[in-house]
Amino acid sequence: YIFYKNDFEIIFVDKNQELINKINEEKQYKIIDINTKKEVIINNVKAISLEDAKLTNYLKQAKYITTALGSGNLKFLVPYFEKHFQNYSKTQFVLCFENGYRISSEFAKLFSNIKANIKFVDLVVDRIIPNKKTNNIDVFVDEYFEVIADKNIQKGSKKLYLIDYCNNLDAYTFRKLL
């Protein structure tokens, strides 16, 4: 939603070929509020396989790489991203939209020899996405959400609409946890 609202091209990367096919067939999905049933259509999306040879080219073109697969699963991305993170020369931001404390920083520790231009931005994410099984690609969410990013990592870069930036991310993290 955030990247859609900021006019970025959205490319999902997954291992589930059935899901990839569905996204590419529909080219859109809905975000549905679980309380009000209000729908927002996110269009012009596509998906590729984690094993697709084009992944390298997409990574080179991306200013932002985001994750939302559960912090325990991030380690499985390392073989796919390691070479890219060692060789890429432009500034690129990695944002892990995961529950937990400084997950982007923890993800960075899984890589060896990352170049300084790859910036791992820690976030506090507060949005309830219930585990609701459906046969489609729509996402059910709670209307309220908040995403706070560490302001110090993205100095000199355009701020993203719908993300709040702060100097003391720990204060927001502890507020969420308490």
C-alpha atoms as a PDB file:
ATOM      1  CA  TYR A   1       0.000   0.000   0.000  1.00  0.00           C
ATOM      2  CA  ILE A   2       2.751   2.437   0.958  1.00  0.00           C
ATOM      3  CA  PHE A   3       4.713   1.909  -2.248  1.00  0.00           C
ATOM      4  CA  TYR A   4       1.543   2.035  -4.342  1.00  0.00           C
ATOM      5  CA  LYS A   5       0.688   5.397  -2.769  1.00  0.00           C
ATOM      6  CA  ASN A   6       4.233   6.584  -3.537  1.00  0.00           C
ATOM      7  CA  ASP A   7       3.903   5.634  -7.239  1.00  0.00           C
ATOM      8  CA  PHE A   8       6.451   2.831  -7.261  1.00  0.00           C
ATOM      9  CA  GLU A   9       6.285  -0.205  -9.496  1.00  0.00           C
ATOM     10  CA  ILE A  10       5.404  -3.191  -7.319  1.00  0.00           C
ATOM     11  CA  ILE A  11       6.920  -6.572  -8.081  1.00  0.00           C
ATOM     12  CA  PHE A  12       6.259  -9.433  -5.689  1.00  0.00           C
ATOM     13  CA  VAL A  13       8.847 -12.179  -5.405  1.00  0.00           C
ATOM     14  CA  ASP A  14       7.735 -15.568  -4.124  1.00  0.00           C
ATOM     15  CA  LYS A  15       8.373 -19.292  -4.380  1.00  0.00           C
ATOM     16  CA  ASN A  16       4.712 -20.249  -4.744  1.00  0.00           C
ATOM     17  CA  GLN A  17       4.158 -20.527  -8.502  1.00  0.00           C
ATOM     18  CA  GLU A  18       0.377 -20.715  -8.112  1.00  0.00           C
ATOM     19  CA  LEU A  19       0.387 -17.375  -6.263  1.00  0.00           C
ATOM     20  CA  ILE A  20       2.767 -15.839  -8.820  1.00  0.00           C
ATOM     21  CA  ASN A  21       0.475 -16.933 -11.664  1.00  0.00           C
ATOM     22  CA  LYS A  22      -2.600 -15.542  -9.905  1.00  0.00           C
ATOM     23  CA  ILE A  23      -0.951 -12.151  -9.319  1.00  0.00           C
ATOM     24  CA  ASN A  24       0.201 -11.973 -12.941  1.00  0.00           C
ATOM     25  CA  GLU A  25      -3.244 -12.945 -14.230  1.00  0.00           C
ATOM     26  CA  GLU A  26      -5.150 -10.435 -12.115  1.00  0.00           C
ATOM     27  CA  LYS A  27      -2.486  -7.688 -12.073  1.00  0.00           C
ATOM     28  CA  GLN A  28      -4.184  -6.264  -9.010  1.00  0.00           C
ATOM     29  CA  TYR A  29      -5.393  -7.129  -5.543  1.00  0.00           C
ATOM     30  CA  LYS A  30      -7.652  -5.581  -2.932  1.00  0.00           C
ATOM     31  CA  ILE A  31      -6.866  -4.443   0.561  1.00  0.00           C
ATOM     32  CA  ILE A  32     -10.084  -4.925   2.532  1.00  0.00           C
ATOM     33  CA  ASP A  33     -10.769  -3.394   5.938  1.00  0.00           C
ATOM     34  CA  ILE A  34     -11.990  -6.183   8.230  1.00  0.00           C
ATOM     35  CA  ASN A  35     -14.383  -3.846  10.056  1.00  0.00           C
ATOM     36  CA  THR A  36     -15.782  -1.437   7.464  1.00  0.00           C
ATOM     37  CA  LYS A  37     -15.330  -3.732   4.419  1.00  0.00           C
ATOM     38  CA  LYS A  38     -13.894  -0.679   2.599  1.00  0.00           C
ATOM     39  CA  GLU A  39     -11.746  -1.785  -0.352  1.00  0.00           C
ATOM     40  CA  VAL A  40      -8.651  -0.249  -1.900  1.00  0.00           C
ATOM     41  CA  ILE A  41      -7.541  -1.694  -5.220  1.00  0.00           C
ATOM     42  CA  ILE A  42      -3.800  -1.941  -5.755  1.00  0.00           C
ATOM     43  CA  ASN A  43      -3.250  -2.308  -9.489  1.00  0.00           C
ATOM     44  CA  ASN A  44      -0.362  -2.667 -11.929  1.00  0.00           C
ATOM     45  CA  VAL A  45       1.350  -5.318  -9.822  1.00  0.00           C
ATOM     46  CA  LYS A  46       3.284  -8.313 -11.046  1.00  0.00           C
ATOM     47  CA  ALA A  47       5.159 -11.225  -9.552  1.00  0.00           C
ATOM     48  CA  ILE A  48       8.208 -13.321 -10.331  1.00  0.00           C
ATOM     49  CA  SER A  49       9.689 -16.440  -8.859  1.00  0.00           C
ATOM     50  CA  LEU A  50      12.566 -16.218  -6.422  1.00  0.00           C
ATOM     51  CA  GLU A  51      14.316 -18.601  -8.831  1.00  0.00           C
ATOM     52  CA  ASP A  52      13.677 -16.417 -11.911  1.00  0.00           C
ATOM     53  CA  ALA A  53      16.857 -15.244 -13.681  1.00  0.00           C
ATOM     54  CA  LYS A  54      15.235 -11.797 -14.043  1.00  0.00           C
ATOM     55  CA  LEU A  55      15.400 -11.310 -10.269  1.00  0.00           C
ATOM     56  CA  THR A  56      18.940  -9.938 -10.566  1.00  0.00           C
ATOM     57  CA  ASN A  57      17.813  -7.282 -13.055  1.00  0.00           C
ATOM     58  CA  TYR A  58      14.846  -6.291 -10.917  1.00  0.00           C
ATOM     59  CA  LEU A  59      17.101  -5.968  -7.874  1.00  0.00           C
ATOM     60  CA  LYS A  60      19.427  -3.682  -9.844  1.00  0.00           C
ATOM     61  CA  GLN A  61      16.520  -1.431 -10.824  1.00  0.00           C
ATOM     62  CA  ALA A  62      14.999  -1.195  -7.345  1.00  0.00           C
ATOM     63  CA  LYS A  63      15.542   1.722  -5.013  1.00  0.00           C
ATOM     64  CA  TYR A  64      13.700  -0.161  -2.264  1.00  0.00           C
ATOM     65  CA  ILE A  65      13.643  -3.852  -1.426  1.00  0.00           C
ATOM     66  CA  THR A  66      11.036  -4.825   1.146  1.00  0.00           C
ATOM     67  CA  THR A  67      10.205  -8.017   2.978  1.00  0.00           C
ATOM     68  CA  ALA A  68       7.042  -9.238   4.674  1.00  0.00           C
ATOM     69  CA  LEU A  69       7.454 -12.959   5.106  1.00  0.00           C
ATOM     70  CA  GLY A  70       8.162 -13.378   8.817  1.00  0.00           C
ATOM     71  CA  SER A  71      11.492 -12.590  10.425  1.00  0.00           C
ATOM     72  CA  GLY A  72      12.336 -16.278  10.855  1.00  0.00           C
ATOM     73  CA  ASN A  73      12.226 -16.738   7.079  1.00  0.00           C
ATOM     74  CA  LEU A  74      14.632 -13.928   6.159  1.00  0.00           C
ATOM     75  CA  LYS A  75      17.629 -16.271   6.309  1.00  0.00           C
ATOM     76  CA  PHE A  76      16.268 -18.077   3.251  1.00  0.00           C
ATOM     77  CA  LEU A  77      16.703 -14.903   1.167  1.00  0.00           C
ATOM     78  CA  VAL A  78      20.445 -14.641   1.816  1.00  0.00           C
ATOM     79  CA  PRO A  79      21.577 -16.864  -1.105  1.00  0.00           C
ATOM     80  CA  TYR A  80      19.460 -14.817  -3.519  1.00  0.00           C
ATOM     81  CA  PHE A  81      20.584 -11.383  -2.328  1.00  0.00           C
ATOM     82  CA  GLU A  82      24.192 -11.927  -1.182  1.00  0.00           C
ATOM     83  CA  LYS A  83      25.925 -11.357  -4.519  1.00  0.00           C
ATOM     84  CA  HIS A  84      23.701  -8.389  -5.345  1.00  0.00           C
ATOM     85  CA  PHE A  85      24.444  -6.690  -2.016  1.00  0.00           C
ATOM     86  CA  GLN A  86      28.191  -7.171  -2.525  1.00  0.00           C
ATOM     87  CA  ASN A  87      28.300  -5.766  -6.062  1.00  0.00           C
ATOM     88  CA  TYR A  88      25.614  -3.094  -6.341  1.00  0.00           C
ATOM     89  CA  SER A  89      26.973   0.462  -6.505  1.00  0.00           C
ATOM     90  CA  LYS A  90      23.899   2.732  -6.185  1.00  0.00           C
ATOM     91  CA  THR A  91      22.143   3.616  -2.951  1.00  0.00           C
ATOM     92  CA  GLN A  92      19.455   1.075  -2.147  1.00  0.00           C
ATOM     93  CA  PHE A  93      17.223   0.703   0.889  1.00  0.00           C
ATOM     94  CA  VAL A  94      16.109  -2.568   2.471  1.00  0.00           C
ATOM     95  CA  LEU A  95      13.015  -2.345   4.676  1.00  0.00           C
ATOM     96  CA  CYS A  96      11.834  -5.409   6.571  1.00  0.00           C
ATOM     97  CA  PHE A  97       8.129  -5.052   7.351  1.00  0.00           C
ATOM     98  CA  GLU A  98       8.322  -7.708  10.056  1.00  0.00           C
ATOM     99  CA  ASN A  99       7.256  -7.877  13.689  1.00  0.00           C
ATOM    100  CA  GLY A 100      10.234  -7.638  15.981  1.00  0.00           C
ATOM    101  CA  TYR A 101      13.022  -5.438  17.209  1.00  0.00           C
ATOM    102  CA  ARG A 102      15.313  -3.898  14.550  1.00  0.00           C
ATOM    103  CA  ILE A 103      14.670  -6.721  12.104  1.00  0.00           C
ATOM    104  CA  SER A 104      16.278  -4.908   9.155  1.00  0.00           C
ATOM    105  CA  SER A 105      19.521  -4.595  11.148  1.00  0.00           C
ATOM    106  CA  GLU A 106      19.316  -8.271  12.084  1.00  0.00           C
ATOM    107  CA  PHE A 107      18.773  -9.166   8.425  1.00  0.00           C
ATOM    108  CA  ALA A 108      21.897  -7.162   7.487  1.00  0.00           C
ATOM    109  CA  LYS A 109      23.977  -9.259   9.896  1.00  0.00           C
ATOM    110  CA  LEU A 110      23.218 -12.370   7.826  1.00  0.00           C
ATOM    111  CA  PHE A 111      25.308 -11.031   4.928  1.00  0.00           C
ATOM    112  CA  SER A 112      29.073 -10.780   4.584  1.00  0.00           C
ATOM    113  CA  ASN A 113      30.804  -7.814   2.952  1.00  0.00           C
ATOM    114  CA  ILE A 114      27.782  -5.625   2.243  1.00  0.00           C
ATOM    115  CA  LYS A 115      28.726  -2.392   0.519  1.00  0.00           C
ATOM    116  CA  ALA A 116      27.982   0.828   2.407  1.00  0.00           C
ATOM    117  CA  ASN A 117      25.448   1.975  -0.193  1.00  0.00           C
ATOM    118  CA  ILE A 118      23.037  -0.805   0.834  1.00  0.00           C
ATOM    119  CA  LYS A 119      21.071   0.732   3.709  1.00  0.00           C
ATOM    120  CA  PHE A 120      19.009  -1.455   6.020  1.00  0.00           C
ATOM    121  CA  VAL A 121      16.246   0.731   7.473  1.00  0.00           C
ATOM    122  CA  ASP A 122      14.756  -0.385  10.770  1.00  0.00           C
ATOM    123  CA  LEU A 123      10.998   0.013  11.114  1.00  0.00           C
ATOM    124  CA  VAL A 124       8.281  -0.232  13.695  1.00  0.00           C
ATOM    125  CA  VAL A 125       5.225  -1.656  11.949  1.00  0.00           C
ATOM    126  CA  ASP A 126       1.836  -1.538  13.571  1.00  0.00           C
ATOM    127  CA  ARG A 127      -0.951  -3.020  11.491  1.00  0.00           C
ATOM    128  CA  ILE A 128      -3.075  -6.006  12.225  1.00  0.00           C
ATOM    129  CA  ILE A 129      -3.351  -8.427   9.333  1.00  0.00           C
ATOM    130  CA  PRO A 130      -5.412 -11.366  10.543  1.00  0.00           C
ATOM    131  CA  ASN A 131      -4.519 -14.832   9.358  1.00  0.00           C
ATOM    132  CA  LYS A 132      -7.516 -15.304   7.090  1.00  0.00           C
ATOM    133  CA  LYS A 133      -7.437 -18.129   4.556  1.00  0.00           C
ATOM    134  CA  THR A 134      -8.951 -17.306   1.176  1.00  0.00           C
ATOM    135  CA  ASN A 135      -8.648 -18.583  -2.363  1.00  0.00           C
ATOM    136  CA  ASN A 136      -7.750 -15.188  -3.767  1.00  0.00           C
ATOM    137  CA  ILE A 137      -4.891 -12.712  -3.384  1.00  0.00           C
ATOM    138  CA  ASP A 138      -6.822 -10.032  -1.523  1.00  0.00           C
ATOM    139  CA  VAL A 139      -5.530  -8.899   1.858  1.00  0.00           C
ATOM    140  CA  PHE A 140      -7.703  -8.265   4.914  1.00  0.00           C
ATOM    141  CA  VAL A 141      -6.414  -5.636   7.351  1.00  0.00           C
ATOM    142  CA  ASP A 142      -7.347  -3.482  10.292  1.00  0.00           C
ATOM    143  CA  GLU A 143      -7.905   0.111   9.142  1.00  0.00           C
ATOM    144  CA  TYR A 144      -5.443   1.639  11.587  1.00  0.00           C
ATOM    145  CA  PHE A 145      -1.773   1.368  10.729  1.00  0.00           C
ATOM    146  CA  GLU A 146       1.461   3.087  11.546  1.00  0.00           C
ATOM    147  CA  VAL A 147       4.925   2.635  10.093  1.00  0.00           C
ATOM    148  CA  ILE A 148       7.832   4.458  11.692  1.00  0.00           C
ATOM    149  CA  ALA A 149      11.336   4.400  10.205  1.00  0.00           C
ATOM    150  CA  ASP A 150      14.741   5.297  11.538  1.00  0.00           C
ATOM    151  CA  LYS A 151      15.315   8.778  10.123  1.00  0.00           C
ATOM    152  CA  ASN A 152      19.099   8.534  10.414  1.00  0.00           C
ATOM    153  CA  ILE A 153      19.474   5.791   7.795  1.00  0.00           C
ATOM    154  CA  GLN A 154      17.681   7.646   4.988  1.00  0.00           C
ATOM    155  CA  LYS A 155      19.405  11.023   5.356  1.00  0.00           C
ATOM    156  CA  GLY A 156      19.422  12.883   2.071  1.00  0.00           C
ATOM    157  CA  SER A 157      16.851  10.577   0.499  1.00  0.00           C
ATOM    158  CA  LYS A 158      13.236  11.362  -0.303  1.00  0.00           C
ATOM    159  CA  LYS A 159      10.901  10.398   2.512  1.00  0.00           C
ATOM    160  CA  LEU A 160       8.061   8.045   1.676  1.00  0.00           C
ATOM    161  CA  TYR A 161       4.475   9.195   2.080  1.00  0.00           C
ATOM    162  CA  LEU A 162       2.678   7.264   4.871  1.00  0.00           C
ATOM    163  CA  ILE A 163       5.896   6.464   6.735  1.00  0.00           C
ATOM    164  CA  ASP A 164       6.758   8.581   9.761  1.00  0.00           C
ATOM    165  CA  TYR A 165      10.449   9.136  10.426  1.00  0.00           C
ATOM    166  CA  CYS A 166      12.010   9.595  13.843  1.00  0.00           C
ATOM    167  CA  ASN A 167      15.379   9.968  15.560  1.00  0.00           C
ATOM    168  CA  ASN A 168      14.586   7.544  18.384  1.00  0.00           C
ATOM    169  CA  LEU A 169      13.087   4.375  16.953  1.00  0.00           C
ATOM    170  CA  ASP A 170      13.512   2.533  20.245  1.00  0.00           C
ATOM    171  CA  ALA A 171      10.960   4.821  21.928  1.00  0.00           C
ATOM    172  CA  TYR A 172       8.350   3.830  19.336  1.00  0.00           C
ATOM    173  CA  THR A 173       9.325   0.176  19.555  1.00  0.00           C
ATOM    174  CA  PHE A 174       8.916   0.084  23.322  1.00  0.00           C
ATOM    175  CA  ARG A 175       5.621   1.997  23.105  1.00  0.00           C
ATOM    176  CA  LYS A 176       4.305  -0.689  20.755  1.00  0.00           C
ATOM    177  CA  LEU A 177       5.523  -3.535  22.952  1.00  0.00           C
ATOM    178  CA  LEU A 178       4.214  -2.127  26.232  1.00  0.00           C
END
